C-alpha atoms as a PDB file:
ATOM      1  CA  MET A   1       0.000   0.000   0.000  1.00  0.00           C
ATOM      2  CA  ARG A   2       2.981   2.320   0.382  1.00  0.00           C
ATOM      3  CA  ARG A   3       3.062   2.847  -3.394  1.00  0.00           C
ATOM      4  CA  TYR A   4      -0.264   4.656  -3.263  1.00  0.00           C
ATOM      5  CA  ALA A   5      -0.572   8.279  -2.242  1.00  0.00           C
ATOM      6  CA  HIS A   6      -4.033   7.687  -0.764  1.00  0.00           C
ATOM      7  CA  ARG A   7      -4.747   4.674   1.409  1.00  0.00           C
ATOM      8  CA  LEU A   8      -7.767   3.661   3.425  1.00  0.00           C
ATOM      9  CA  LEU A   9      -8.521   0.478   5.335  1.00  0.00           C
ATOM     10  CA  VAL A  10     -12.249  -0.197   5.670  1.00  0.00           C
ATOM     11  CA  ILE A  11     -13.344  -2.727   8.269  1.00  0.00           C
ATOM     12  CA  THR A  12     -16.899  -3.980   7.989  1.00  0.00           C
ATOM     13  CA  SER A  13     -17.442  -4.291  11.696  1.00  0.00           C
ATOM     14  CA  THR A  14     -18.157  -1.793  14.411  1.00  0.00           C
ATOM     15  CA  LEU A  15     -15.344  -0.757  16.704  1.00  0.00           C
ATOM     16  CA  SER A  16     -17.309  -2.115  19.668  1.00  0.00           C
ATOM     17  CA  GLN A  17     -17.496  -5.528  17.952  1.00  0.00           C
ATOM     18  CA  ILE A  18     -13.755  -5.479  17.328  1.00  0.00           C
ATOM     19  CA  LYS A  19     -13.201  -4.533  20.965  1.00  0.00           C
ATOM     20  CA  SER A  20     -15.415  -7.430  22.186  1.00  0.00           C
ATOM     21  CA  SER A  21     -13.984 -10.815  23.055  1.00  0.00           C
ATOM     22  CA  TYR A  22     -13.867 -13.560  20.432  1.00  0.00           C
ATOM     23  CA  PRO A  23     -15.138 -16.794  21.992  1.00  0.00           C
ATOM     24  CA  GLN A  24     -13.904 -19.033  19.138  1.00  0.00           C
ATOM     25  CA  ARG A  25     -10.498 -17.367  18.841  1.00  0.00           C
ATOM     26  CA  SER A  26      -7.443 -16.976  21.031  1.00  0.00           C
ATOM     27  CA  VAL A  27      -6.860 -13.444  19.728  1.00  0.00           C
ATOM     28  CA  SER A  28      -7.106 -10.602  22.196  1.00  0.00           C
ATOM     29  CA  PRO A  29      -9.382  -7.717  21.140  1.00  0.00           C
ATOM     30  CA  ASN A  30      -6.825  -5.310  22.598  1.00  0.00           C
ATOM     31  CA  ARG A  31      -4.141  -6.818  20.356  1.00  0.00           C
ATOM     32  CA  VAL A  32      -6.371  -6.280  17.310  1.00  0.00           C
ATOM     33  CA  ILE A  33      -6.997  -2.636  18.280  1.00  0.00           C
ATOM     34  CA  GLN A  34      -3.299  -2.062  18.950  1.00  0.00           C
ATOM     35  CA  SER A  35      -2.484  -3.539  15.533  1.00  0.00           C
ATOM     36  CA  LEU A  36      -4.905  -1.120  13.875  1.00  0.00           C
ATOM     37  CA  ILE A  37      -3.383   1.802  15.776  1.00  0.00           C
ATOM     38  CA  ALA A  38       0.110   0.639  14.741  1.00  0.00           C
ATOM     39  CA  ILE A  39      -1.016   0.548  11.095  1.00  0.00           C
ATOM     40  CA  LEU A  40      -2.413   4.053  11.485  1.00  0.00           C
ATOM     41  CA  ALA A  41       0.655   5.491  13.217  1.00  0.00           C
ATOM     42  CA  GLY A  42       3.447   3.479  11.634  1.00  0.00           C
ATOM     43  CA  LEU A  43       2.252   2.976   8.076  1.00  0.00           C
ATOM     44  CA  GLN A  44       0.007   6.042   8.010  1.00  0.00           C
ATOM     45  CA  VAL A  45      -2.961   4.033   6.776  1.00  0.00           C
ATOM     46  CA  PRO A  46      -6.204   5.448   8.177  1.00  0.00           C
ATOM     47  CA  PHE A  47      -9.033   3.052   8.928  1.00  0.00           C
ATOM     48  CA  LEU A  48     -12.797   3.297   9.176  1.00  0.00           C
ATOM     49  CA  CYS A  49     -15.179   0.864  10.812  1.00  0.00           C
ATOM     50  CA  THR A  50     -18.607   0.381   9.262  1.00  0.00           C
ATOM     51  CA  GLU A  51     -21.570  -1.675  10.365  1.00  0.00           C
ATOM     52  CA  THR A  52     -22.240  -3.198   6.946  1.00  0.00           C
ATOM     53  CA  HIS A  53     -20.449  -3.986   3.705  1.00  0.00           C
ATOM     54  CA  GLU A  54     -22.823  -1.657   1.856  1.00  0.00           C
ATOM     55  CA  LEU A  55     -21.975   1.238   4.143  1.00  0.00           C
ATOM     56  CA  GLY A  56     -18.297   0.474   3.588  1.00  0.00           C
ATOM     57  CA  GLU A  57     -18.847   0.647  -0.174  1.00  0.00           C
ATOM     58  CA  GLU A  58     -20.493   4.042   0.214  1.00  0.00           C
ATOM     59  CA  LEU A  59     -17.611   5.359   2.309  1.00  0.00           C
ATOM     60  CA  VAL A  60     -15.019   4.095  -0.176  1.00  0.00           C
ATOM     61  CA  ALA A  61     -16.907   5.702  -3.066  1.00  0.00           C
ATOM     62  CA  SER A  62     -17.105   9.007  -1.184  1.00  0.00           C
ATOM     63  CA  TYR A  63     -13.423   8.845  -0.287  1.00  0.00           C
ATOM     64  CA  LEU A  64     -12.407   8.137  -3.890  1.00  0.00           C
ATOM     65  CA  TYR A  65     -14.601  10.996  -5.081  1.00  0.00           C
ATOM     66  CA  GLN A  66     -12.863  13.402  -2.694  1.00  0.00           C
ATOM     67  CA  VAL A  67      -9.406  12.153  -3.721  1.00  0.00           C
ATOM     68  CA  HIS A  68     -10.314  12.646  -7.381  1.00  0.00           C
ATOM     69  CA  LEU A  69     -11.835  16.071  -6.696  1.00  0.00           C
ATOM     70  CA  TYR A  70      -8.727  17.405  -4.948  1.00  0.00           C
ATOM     71  CA  HIS A  71      -6.487  15.909  -7.652  1.00  0.00           C
ATOM     72  CA  TRP A  72      -8.584  17.608 -10.331  1.00  0.00           C
ATOM     73  CA  LEU A  73      -8.521  20.957  -8.493  1.00  0.00           C
ATOM     74  CA  GLU A  74      -4.748  20.865  -8.160  1.00  0.00           C
ATOM     75  CA  THR A  75      -4.191  19.664 -11.738  1.00  0.00           C
ATOM     76  CA  ASN A  76      -6.306  22.528 -13.083  1.00  0.00           C
ATOM     77  CA  ASP A  77      -4.560  25.167 -10.947  1.00  0.00           C
ATOM     78  CA  TYR A  78      -7.435  25.743  -8.532  1.00  0.00           C
ATOM     79  CA  GLY A  79      -5.373  24.627  -5.529  1.00  0.00           C
ATOM     80  CA  ARG A  80      -6.932  22.668  -2.690  1.00  0.00           C
ATOM     81  CA  TYR A  81      -9.742  25.132  -2.271  1.00  0.00           C
ATOM     82  CA  LEU A  82     -13.452  24.359  -2.149  1.00  0.00           C
ATOM     83  CA  ALA A  83     -16.051  27.111  -2.138  1.00  0.00           C
ATOM     84  CA  ASP A  84     -19.136  27.050   0.069  1.00  0.00           C
ATOM     85  CA  HIS A  85     -21.651  24.369  -0.977  1.00  0.00           C
ATOM     86  CA  ASP A  86     -19.110  22.492  -3.168  1.00  0.00           C
ATOM     87  CA  LEU A  87     -19.467  19.352  -1.094  1.00  0.00           C
END
């Protein structure tokens, strides 16, 4: 993922579910959270938690739209400036 200027990890689970114990697994919820924080801090990959796959798709689409929008603004010499009501 380091090759890409824009990265986003989408987890289709709520943060409270991730933080809950896993009866069938020997993995600690705290270890999972600490791994996500390490990815955020060390690799600079932000993450979002969503309740459903569909909501995750919507967030990814919105994120990609914003990335494209800012790229287009900069490419066309508008800078990273949005006017009121542009979003």
